[in-house]
Amino acid sequence: MRTSDELEARWQADLLRESGIEAQVLSQKDRANVVTFGGLSVVRLLVPAFRLEDALGRIGREAGHGEGEGT
């Protein structure tokens, strides 16, 4: 997963860890220059390749759950 929002990536990593899926956040944000677009603001959520489908399913279920509640 790629995002420019580091807090969202950390939240999703915590969610995956609670589900037993190893997850790490790799931030490539340029802290010297505040940039919110392009290659200087990429934050990646890393999971083991063999757990990718589980991780995507877990994140997708959580995202769908929030939409169903009207949030």
PDB file of N, CA and C in Angstrom:
ATOM      1  N   MET A   1       0.830  -1.173   0.000  1.00  0.00           N
ATOM      2  CA  MET A   1       0.000   0.000   0.000  1.00  0.00           C
ATOM      3  C   MET A   1       0.879   1.243   0.000  1.00  0.00           C
ATOM      4  N   ARG A   2       0.473   2.243  -0.726  1.00  0.00           N
ATOM      5  CA  ARG A   2       1.181   3.533  -0.736  1.00  0.00           C
ATOM      6  C   ARG A   2       0.199   4.618  -0.354  1.00  0.00           C
ATOM      7  N   THR A   3       0.696   5.570   0.398  1.00  0.00           N
ATOM      8  CA  THR A   3      -0.115   6.714   0.801  1.00  0.00           C
ATOM      9  C   THR A   3       0.813   7.883   1.078  1.00  0.00           C
ATOM     10  N   SER A   4       0.272   9.067   1.206  1.00  0.00           N
ATOM     11  CA  SER A   4       1.076  10.210   1.621  1.00  0.00           C
ATOM     12  C   SER A   4       0.766  10.571   3.066  1.00  0.00           C
ATOM     13  N   ASP A   5      -0.117   9.806   3.696  1.00  0.00           N
ATOM     14  CA  ASP A   5      -0.536  10.065   5.068  1.00  0.00           C
ATOM     15  C   ASP A   5       0.120   9.058   6.011  1.00  0.00           C
ATOM     16  N   GLU A   6       1.132   9.488   6.738  1.00  0.00           N
ATOM     17  CA  GLU A   6       1.874   8.602   7.627  1.00  0.00           C
ATOM     18  C   GLU A   6       1.005   8.095   8.777  1.00  0.00           C
ATOM     19  N   LEU A   7       0.114   8.915   9.288  1.00  0.00           N
ATOM     20  CA  LEU A   7      -0.763   8.476  10.375  1.00  0.00           C
ATOM     21  C   LEU A   7      -1.691   7.348   9.933  1.00  0.00           C
ATOM     22  N   GLU A   8      -2.228   7.449   8.730  1.00  0.00           N
ATOM     23  CA  GLU A   8      -3.084   6.389   8.200  1.00  0.00           C
ATOM     24  C   GLU A   8      -2.297   5.089   8.065  1.00  0.00           C
ATOM     25  N   ALA A   9      -1.084   5.166   7.554  1.00  0.00           N
ATOM     26  CA  ALA A   9      -0.251   3.980   7.393  1.00  0.00           C
ATOM     27  C   ALA A   9       0.053   3.346   8.746  1.00  0.00           C
ATOM     28  N   ARG A  10       0.352   4.151   9.752  1.00  0.00           N
ATOM     29  CA  ARG A  10       0.621   3.616  11.087  1.00  0.00           C
ATOM     30  C   ARG A  10      -0.622   2.967  11.694  1.00  0.00           C
ATOM     31  N   TRP A  11      -1.782   3.579  11.481  1.00  0.00           N
ATOM     32  CA  TRP A  11      -3.028   3.008  11.972  1.00  0.00           C
ATOM     33  C   TRP A  11      -3.281   1.646  11.326  1.00  0.00           C
ATOM     34  N   GLN A  12      -3.089   1.555  10.008  1.00  0.00           N
ATOM     35  CA  GLN A  12      -3.304   0.294   9.307  1.00  0.00           C
ATOM     36  C   GLN A  12      -2.282  -0.751   9.726  1.00  0.00           C
ATOM     37  N   ALA A  13      -1.038  -0.347   9.969  1.00  0.00           N
ATOM     38  CA  ALA A  13      -0.032  -1.288  10.445  1.00  0.00           C
ATOM     39  C   ALA A  13      -0.425  -1.850  11.808  1.00  0.00           C
ATOM     40  N   ASP A  14      -0.920  -1.000  12.695  1.00  0.00           N
ATOM     41  CA  ASP A  14      -1.386  -1.466  14.009  1.00  0.00           C
ATOM     42  C   ASP A  14      -2.546  -2.444  13.856  1.00  0.00           C
ATOM     43  N   LEU A  15      -3.469  -2.133  12.961  1.00  0.00           N
ATOM     44  CA  LEU A  15      -4.603  -3.008  12.706  1.00  0.00           C
ATOM     45  C   LEU A  15      -4.134  -4.389  12.236  1.00  0.00           C
ATOM     46  N   LEU A  16      -3.166  -4.398  11.331  1.00  0.00           N
ATOM     47  CA  LEU A  16      -2.651  -5.670  10.822  1.00  0.00           C
ATOM     48  C   LEU A  16      -1.920  -6.450  11.913  1.00  0.00           C
ATOM     49  N   ARG A  17      -1.127  -5.761  12.716  1.00  0.00           N
ATOM     50  CA  ARG A  17      -0.409  -6.435  13.803  1.00  0.00           C
ATOM     51  C   ARG A  17      -1.376  -7.070  14.792  1.00  0.00           C
ATOM     52  N   GLU A  18      -2.476  -6.374  15.083  1.00  0.00           N
ATOM     53  CA  GLU A  18      -3.500  -6.935  15.976  1.00  0.00           C
ATOM     54  C   GLU A  18      -4.112  -8.199  15.394  1.00  0.00           C
ATOM     55  N   SER A  19      -4.099  -8.320  14.067  1.00  0.00           N
ATOM     56  CA  SER A  19      -4.631  -9.501  13.387  1.00  0.00           C
ATOM     57  C   SER A  19      -3.571 -10.581  13.205  1.00  0.00           C
ATOM     58  N   GLY A  20      -2.375 -10.353  13.722  1.00  0.00           N
ATOM     59  CA  GLY A  20      -1.308 -11.343  13.611  1.00  0.00           C
ATOM     60  C   GLY A  20      -0.499 -11.257  12.333  1.00  0.00           C
ATOM     61  N   ILE A  21      -0.617 -10.153  11.615  1.00  0.00           N
ATOM     62  CA  ILE A  21       0.120  -9.957  10.364  1.00  0.00           C
ATOM     63  C   ILE A  21       1.249  -8.965  10.627  1.00  0.00           C
ATOM     64  N   GLU A  22       2.477  -9.393  10.389  1.00  0.00           N
ATOM     65  CA  GLU A  22       3.632  -8.505  10.568  1.00  0.00           C
ATOM     66  C   GLU A  22       3.538  -7.353   9.579  1.00  0.00           C
ATOM     67  N   ALA A  23       3.730  -6.128  10.066  1.00  0.00           N
ATOM     68  CA  ALA A  23       3.625  -4.951   9.201  1.00  0.00           C
ATOM     69  C   ALA A  23       4.602  -3.886   9.671  1.00  0.00           C
ATOM     70  N   GLN A  24       5.191  -3.185   8.705  1.00  0.00           N
ATOM     71  CA  GLN A  24       6.108  -2.086   9.000  1.00  0.00           C
ATOM     72  C   GLN A  24       5.768  -0.896   8.110  1.00  0.00           C
ATOM     73  N   VAL A  25       5.995   0.297   8.646  1.00  0.00           N
ATOM     74  CA  VAL A  25       5.771   1.526   7.886  1.00  0.00           C
ATOM     75  C   VAL A  25       7.125   2.053   7.428  1.00  0.00           C
ATOM     76  N   LEU A  26       7.241   2.315   6.146  1.00  0.00           N
ATOM     77  CA  LEU A  26       8.451   2.892   5.572  1.00  0.00           C
ATOM     78  C   LEU A  26       8.087   4.268   5.033  1.00  0.00           C
ATOM     79  N   SER A  27       8.569   5.296   5.708  1.00  0.00           N
ATOM     80  CA  SER A  27       8.267   6.660   5.284  1.00  0.00           C
ATOM     81  C   SER A  27       9.428   7.195   4.452  1.00  0.00           C
ATOM     82  N   GLN A  28       9.102   7.693   3.273  1.00  0.00           N
ATOM     83  CA  GLN A  28      10.083   8.315   2.400  1.00  0.00           C
ATOM     84  C   GLN A  28       9.799   9.801   2.271  1.00  0.00           C
ATOM     85  N   LYS A  29       9.121  10.338   3.293  1.00  0.00           N
ATOM     86  CA  LYS A  29       8.796  11.763   3.273  1.00  0.00           C
ATOM     87  C   LYS A  29      10.062  12.578   3.464  1.00  0.00           C
ATOM     88  N   ASP A  30      10.148  13.645   2.729  1.00  0.00           N
ATOM     89  CA  ASP A  30      11.266  14.572   2.847  1.00  0.00           C
ATOM     90  C   ASP A  30      10.934  15.538   3.979  1.00  0.00           C
ATOM     91  N   ARG A  31      11.588  15.363   5.115  1.00  0.00           N
ATOM     92  CA  ARG A  31      11.264  16.166   6.285  1.00  0.00           C
ATOM     93  C   ARG A  31      11.865  17.579   6.209  1.00  0.00           C
ATOM     94  N   ALA A  32      12.822  17.798   5.344  1.00  0.00           N
ATOM     95  CA  ALA A  32      13.417  19.129   5.194  1.00  0.00           C
ATOM     96  C   ALA A  32      12.494  20.052   4.393  1.00  0.00           C
ATOM     97  N   ASN A  33      11.796  19.473   3.417  1.00  0.00           N
ATOM     98  CA  ASN A  33      10.862  20.234   2.585  1.00  0.00           C
ATOM     99  C   ASN A  33       9.479  19.641   2.760  1.00  0.00           C
ATOM    100  N   VAL A  34       8.525  20.457   3.109  1.00  0.00           N
ATOM    101  CA  VAL A  34       7.165  19.956   3.292  1.00  0.00           C
ATOM    102  C   VAL A  34       6.526  19.798   1.918  1.00  0.00           C
ATOM    103  N   VAL A  35       6.403  18.547   1.489  1.00  0.00           N
ATOM    104  CA  VAL A  35       5.830  18.228   0.189  1.00  0.00           C
ATOM    105  C   VAL A  35       4.738  17.202   0.423  1.00  0.00           C
ATOM    106  N   THR A  36       3.585  17.376  -0.198  1.00  0.00           N
ATOM    107  CA  THR A  36       2.477  16.445   0.004  1.00  0.00           C
ATOM    108  C   THR A  36       2.089  15.705  -1.272  1.00  0.00           C
ATOM    109  N   PHE A  37       2.965  15.694  -2.268  1.00  0.00           N
ATOM    110  CA  PHE A  37       2.645  15.009  -3.507  1.00  0.00           C
ATOM    111  C   PHE A  37       3.920  14.419  -4.097  1.00  0.00           C
ATOM    112  N   GLY A  38       3.739  13.483  -5.019  1.00  0.00           N
ATOM    113  CA  GLY A  38       4.867  12.917  -5.748  1.00  0.00           C
ATOM    114  C   GLY A  38       5.750  11.994  -4.929  1.00  0.00           C
ATOM    115  N   GLY A  39       6.917  11.694  -5.472  1.00  0.00           N
ATOM    116  CA  GLY A  39       7.843  10.746  -4.877  1.00  0.00           C
ATOM    117  C   GLY A  39       8.462  11.180  -3.577  1.00  0.00           C
ATOM    118  N   LEU A  40       8.347  12.450  -3.226  1.00  0.00           N
ATOM    119  CA  LEU A  40       8.944  12.924  -1.977  1.00  0.00           C
ATOM    120  C   LEU A  40       8.023  12.752  -0.782  1.00  0.00           C
ATOM    121  N   SER A  41       6.805  12.265  -0.998  1.00  0.00           N
ATOM    122  CA  SER A  41       5.869  12.143   0.115  1.00  0.00           C
ATOM    123  C   SER A  41       5.296  10.734   0.245  1.00  0.00           C
ATOM    124  N   VAL A  42       6.000   9.738  -0.258  1.00  0.00           N
ATOM    125  CA  VAL A  42       5.488   8.373  -0.260  1.00  0.00           C
ATOM    126  C   VAL A  42       5.710   7.715   1.096  1.00  0.00           C
ATOM    127  N   VAL A  43       4.647   7.100   1.604  1.00  0.00           N
ATOM    128  CA  VAL A  43       4.720   6.281   2.803  1.00  0.00           C
ATOM    129  C   VAL A  43       4.213   4.908   2.398  1.00  0.00           C
ATOM    130  N   ARG A  44       4.985   3.868   2.699  1.00  0.00           N
ATOM    131  CA  ARG A  44       4.613   2.510   2.304  1.00  0.00           C
ATOM    132  C   ARG A  44       4.339   1.661   3.528  1.00  0.00           C
ATOM    133  N   LEU A  45       3.348   0.806   3.394  1.00  0.00           N
ATOM    134  CA  LEU A  45       3.028  -0.174   4.415  1.00  0.00           C
ATOM    135  C   LEU A  45       3.521  -1.517   3.892  1.00  0.00           C
ATOM    136  N   LEU A  46       4.494  -2.092   4.576  1.00  0.00           N
ATOM    137  CA  LEU A  46       5.129  -3.323   4.121  1.00  0.00           C
ATOM    138  C   LEU A  46       4.631  -4.517   4.926  1.00  0.00           C
ATOM    139  N   VAL A  47       4.302  -5.592   4.215  1.00  0.00           N
ATOM    140  CA  VAL A  47       3.922  -6.862   4.840  1.00  0.00           C
ATOM    141  C   VAL A  47       4.656  -7.973   4.103  1.00  0.00           C
ATOM    142  N   PRO A  48       4.847  -9.130   4.742  1.00  0.00           N
ATOM    143  CA  PRO A  48       5.472 -10.249   4.034  1.00  0.00           C
ATOM    144  C   PRO A  48       4.628 -10.642   2.813  1.00  0.00           C
ATOM    145  N   ALA A  49       5.292 -11.008   1.736  1.00  0.00           N
ATOM    146  CA  ALA A  49       4.601 -11.322   0.485  1.00  0.00           C
ATOM    147  C   ALA A  49       3.554 -12.417   0.664  1.00  0.00           C
ATOM    148  N   PHE A  50       3.851 -13.416   1.475  1.00  0.00           N
ATOM    149  CA  PHE A  50       2.907 -14.525   1.635  1.00  0.00           C
ATOM    150  C   PHE A  50       1.678 -14.128   2.465  1.00  0.00           C
ATOM    151  N   ARG A  51       1.676 -12.948   3.078  1.00  0.00           N
ATOM    152  CA  ARG A  51       0.526 -12.463   3.852  1.00  0.00           C
ATOM    153  C   ARG A  51      -0.186 -11.297   3.160  1.00  0.00           C
ATOM    154  N   LEU A  52       0.218 -10.980   1.938  1.00  0.00           N
ATOM    155  CA  LEU A  52      -0.345  -9.836   1.226  1.00  0.00           C
ATOM    156  C   LEU A  52      -1.860  -9.921   1.078  1.00  0.00           C
ATOM    157  N   GLU A  53      -2.372 -11.059   0.621  1.00  0.00           N
ATOM    158  CA  GLU A  53      -3.821 -11.202   0.425  1.00  0.00           C
ATOM    159  C   GLU A  53      -4.569 -11.036   1.742  1.00  0.00           C
ATOM    160  N   ASP A  54      -4.037 -11.613   2.821  1.00  0.00           N
ATOM    161  CA  ASP A  54      -4.661 -11.462   4.137  1.00  0.00           C
ATOM    162  C   ASP A  54      -4.683  -9.996   4.549  1.00  0.00           C
ATOM    163  N   ALA A  55      -3.568  -9.294   4.326  1.00  0.00           N
ATOM    164  CA  ALA A  55      -3.460  -7.886   4.724  1.00  0.00           C
ATOM    165  C   ALA A  55      -4.432  -7.020   3.930  1.00  0.00           C
ATOM    166  N   LEU A  56      -4.499  -7.230   2.621  1.00  0.00           N
ATOM    167  CA  LEU A  56      -5.415  -6.453   1.792  1.00  0.00           C
ATOM    168  C   LEU A  56      -6.865  -6.710   2.187  1.00  0.00           C
ATOM    169  N   GLY A  57      -7.177  -7.967   2.478  1.00  0.00           N
ATOM    170  CA  GLY A  57      -8.527  -8.302   2.905  1.00  0.00           C
ATOM    171  C   GLY A  57      -8.878  -7.645   4.232  1.00  0.00           C
ATOM    172  N   ARG A  58      -7.950  -7.647   5.167  1.00  0.00           N
ATOM    173  CA  ARG A  58      -8.187  -7.056   6.485  1.00  0.00           C
ATOM    174  C   ARG A  58      -8.386  -5.546   6.366  1.00  0.00           C
ATOM    175  N   ILE A  59      -7.539  -4.888   5.599  1.00  0.00           N
ATOM    176  CA  ILE A  59      -7.672  -3.438   5.413  1.00  0.00           C
ATOM    177  C   ILE A  59      -8.968  -3.119   4.677  1.00  0.00           C
ATOM    178  N   GLY A  60      -9.309  -3.929   3.677  1.00  0.00           N
ATOM    179  CA  GLY A  60     -10.544  -3.717   2.923  1.00  0.00           C
ATOM    180  C   GLY A  60     -11.777  -3.894   3.785  1.00  0.00           C
ATOM    181  N   ARG A  61     -11.770  -4.899   4.648  1.00  0.00           N
ATOM    182  CA  ARG A  61     -12.903  -5.111   5.553  1.00  0.00           C
ATOM    183  C   ARG A  61     -13.061  -3.939   6.505  1.00  0.00           C
ATOM    184  N   GLU A  62     -11.946  -3.431   7.019  1.00  0.00           N
ATOM    185  CA  GLU A  62     -12.008  -2.299   7.940  1.00  0.00           C
ATOM    186  C   GLU A  62     -12.530  -1.056   7.231  1.00  0.00           C
ATOM    187  N   ALA A  63     -12.081  -0.827   6.001  1.00  0.00           N
ATOM    188  CA  ALA A  63     -12.538   0.339   5.239  1.00  0.00           C
ATOM    189  C   ALA A  63     -14.029   0.222   4.928  1.00  0.00           C
ATOM    190  N   GLY A  64     -14.484  -0.962   4.577  1.00  0.00           N
ATOM    191  CA  GLY A  64     -15.898  -1.179   4.300  1.00  0.00           C
ATOM    192  C   GLY A  64     -16.751  -1.027   5.532  1.00  0.00           C
ATOM    193  N   HIS A  65     -16.222  -1.438   6.669  1.00  0.00           N
ATOM    194  CA  HIS A  65     -16.958  -1.322   7.938  1.00  0.00           C
ATOM    195  C   HIS A  65     -17.212   0.145   8.277  1.00  0.00           C
ATOM    196  N   GLY A  66     -16.202   0.984   8.083  1.00  0.00           N
ATOM    197  CA  GLY A  66     -16.352   2.407   8.377  1.00  0.00           C
ATOM    198  C   GLY A  66     -17.361   3.077   7.467  1.00  0.00           C
ATOM    199  N   GLU A  67     -17.396   2.703   6.183  1.00  0.00           N
ATOM    200  CA  GLU A  67     -18.337   3.299   5.251  1.00  0.00           C
ATOM    201  C   GLU A  67     -19.765   2.900   5.578  1.00  0.00           C
ATOM    202  N   GLY A  68     -19.949   1.670   6.043  1.00  0.00           N
ATOM    203  CA  GLY A  68     -21.281   1.192   6.380  1.00  0.00           C
ATOM    204  C   GLY A  68     -21.901   1.915   7.557  1.00  0.00           C
ATOM    205  N   GLU A  69     -21.061   2.501   8.403  1.00  0.00           N
ATOM    206  CA  GLU A  69     -21.560   3.211   9.562  1.00  0.00           C
ATOM    207  C   GLU A  69     -21.815   4.675   9.269  1.00  0.00           C
ATOM    208  N   GLY A  70     -21.547   5.113   8.049  1.00  0.00           N
ATOM    209  CA  GLY A  70     -21.791   6.496   7.682  1.00  0.00           C
ATOM    210  C   GLY A  70     -20.682   7.439   8.078  1.00  0.00           C
ATOM    211  N   THR A  71     -19.480   6.895   8.326  1.00  0.00           N
ATOM    212  CA  THR A  71     -18.350   7.763   8.697  1.00  0.00           C
ATOM    213  C   THR A  71     -17.447   7.968   7.529  1.00  0.00           C
TER     214      THR A  71
END
